[in-house]
C-alpha atoms as a PDB file:
ATOM      1  CA  MET A   1      48.583  93.207 157.460  1.00  0.00           C
ATOM      2  CA  GLU A   2      49.634  91.954 160.872  1.00  0.00           C
ATOM      3  CA  GLU A   3      53.192  92.768 161.883  1.00  0.00           C
ATOM      4  CA  ILE A   4      55.573  89.828 161.532  1.00  0.00           C
ATOM      5  CA  LYS A   5      57.349  89.091 164.783  1.00  0.00           C
ATOM      6  CA  ILE A   6      60.523  87.040 164.762  1.00  0.00           C
ATOM      7  CA  ASN A   7      61.388  86.747 168.459  1.00  0.00           C
ATOM      8  CA  ASP A   8      63.018  83.881 170.327  1.00  0.00           C
ATOM      9  CA  CYS A   9      64.108  82.206 167.115  1.00  0.00           C
ATOM     10  CA  VAL A  10      67.291  80.714 165.690  1.00  0.00           C
ATOM     11  CA  VAL A  11      68.629  81.045 162.157  1.00  0.00           C
ATOM     12  CA  VAL A  12      70.312  77.846 160.963  1.00  0.00           C
ATOM     13  CA  SER A  13      73.070  78.221 158.373  1.00  0.00           C
ATOM     14  CA  ARG A  14      75.523  75.912 156.642  1.00  0.00           C
ATOM     15  CA  GLY A  15      78.433  78.001 155.488  1.00  0.00           C
ATOM     16  CA  ASP A  16      76.952  80.733 153.291  1.00  0.00           C
ATOM     17  CA  GLU A  17      73.616  78.909 152.920  1.00  0.00           C
ATOM     18  CA  ASN A  18      70.731  79.999 155.153  1.00  0.00           C
ATOM     19  CA  VAL A  19      68.728  76.831 155.919  1.00  0.00           C
ATOM     20  CA  GLY A  20      65.910  78.614 157.733  1.00  0.00           C
ATOM     21  CA  THR A  21      64.618  80.468 160.759  1.00  0.00           C
ATOM     22  CA  PHE A  22      63.084  78.291 163.469  1.00  0.00           C
ATOM     23  CA  LYS A  23      61.222  78.696 166.760  1.00  0.00           C
ATOM     24  CA  TYR A  24      58.944  76.764 169.090  1.00  0.00           C
ATOM     25  CA  ILE A  25      55.277  77.704 169.354  1.00  0.00           C
ATOM     26  CA  ASP A  26      53.273  75.757 171.949  1.00  0.00           C
ATOM     27  CA  ASP A  27      55.974  73.020 172.101  1.00  0.00           C
ATOM     28  CA  ALA A  28      55.915  72.484 168.315  1.00  0.00           C
ATOM     29  CA  LEU A  29      58.820  73.426 166.049  1.00  0.00           C
ATOM     30  CA  TYR A  30      58.004  76.025 163.382  1.00  0.00           C
ATOM     31  CA  PHE A  31      59.971  77.586 160.530  1.00  0.00           C
ATOM     32  CA  PHE A  32      59.483  80.996 158.976  1.00  0.00           C
ATOM     33  CA  ASP A  33      58.275  80.696 155.388  1.00  0.00           C
ATOM     34  CA  SER A  34      59.768  83.713 153.629  1.00  0.00           C
ATOM     35  CA  PHE A  35      57.351  83.377 150.693  1.00  0.00           C
ATOM     36  CA  SER A  36      54.093  83.376 152.656  1.00  0.00           C
ATOM     37  CA  LYS A  37      55.589  85.483 155.487  1.00  0.00           C
ATOM     38  CA  GLU A  38      54.056  83.091 158.024  1.00  0.00           C
ATOM     39  CA  TRP A  39      55.280  80.593 160.570  1.00  0.00           C
ATOM     40  CA  GLU A  40      54.673  77.031 159.339  1.00  0.00           C
ATOM     41  CA  GLU A  41      54.886  73.901 161.456  1.00  0.00           C
ATOM     42  CA  TYR A  42      58.107  72.021 160.693  1.00  0.00           C
ATOM     43  CA  ASP A  43      57.599  68.729 158.847  1.00  0.00           C
ATOM     44  CA  TYR A  44      60.176  66.287 160.230  1.00  0.00           C
ATOM     45  CA  SER A  45      59.731  63.947 157.237  1.00  0.00           C
ATOM     46  CA  PHE A  46      61.509  66.444 154.951  1.00  0.00           C
ATOM     47  CA  ASN A  47      64.815  65.932 156.845  1.00  0.00           C
ATOM     48  CA  ILE A  48      65.917  69.514 156.202  1.00  0.00           C
ATOM     49  CA  LEU A  49      67.914  69.619 159.415  1.00  0.00           C
ATOM     50  CA  THR A  50      70.523  67.077 160.481  1.00  0.00           C
ATOM     51  CA  LYS A  51      70.198  65.311 163.838  1.00  0.00           C
ATOM     52  CA  LYS A  52      73.061  67.454 165.154  1.00  0.00           C
ATOM     53  CA  GLU A  53      71.345  70.661 163.975  1.00  0.00           C
ATOM     54  CA  MET A  54      68.053  69.532 165.547  1.00  0.00           C
ATOM     55  CA  LYS A  55      69.776  68.907 168.889  1.00  0.00           C
ATOM     56  CA  GLN A  56      71.560  72.277 168.815  1.00  0.00           C
ATOM     57  CA  LEU A  57      68.370  74.051 167.769  1.00  0.00           C
ATOM     58  CA  LYS A  58      66.387  72.510 170.617  1.00  0.00           C
ATOM     59  CA  GLN A  59      69.111  73.434 173.109  1.00  0.00           C
ATOM     60  CA  LYS A  60      69.206  77.056 171.970  1.00  0.00           C
ATOM     61  CA  LEU A  61      65.444  77.556 171.735  1.00  0.00           C
ATOM     62  CA  LYS A  62      64.472  75.731 174.901  1.00  0.00           C
ATOM     63  CA  GLY A  63      67.450  76.984 176.925  1.00  0.00           C
ATOM     64  CA  GLU A  64      68.792  73.494 177.581  1.00  0.00           C
ATOM     65  CA  LYS A  65      72.451  72.667 178.102  1.00  0.00           C
END
């Protein structure tokens, strides 16, 4: 099994709830699927993250201010 690498990622939480672990791969947003142990491309239609969380996530991952 290939080693799972979780580098340059951000964990999004709401209080005690862990929403997910996210990172950009080739300019596409991915989340870490803890069941399959693979990075899956984020599906924006699920609306898992709020607009504010999306903005903060992009800023942290892309190094924007």
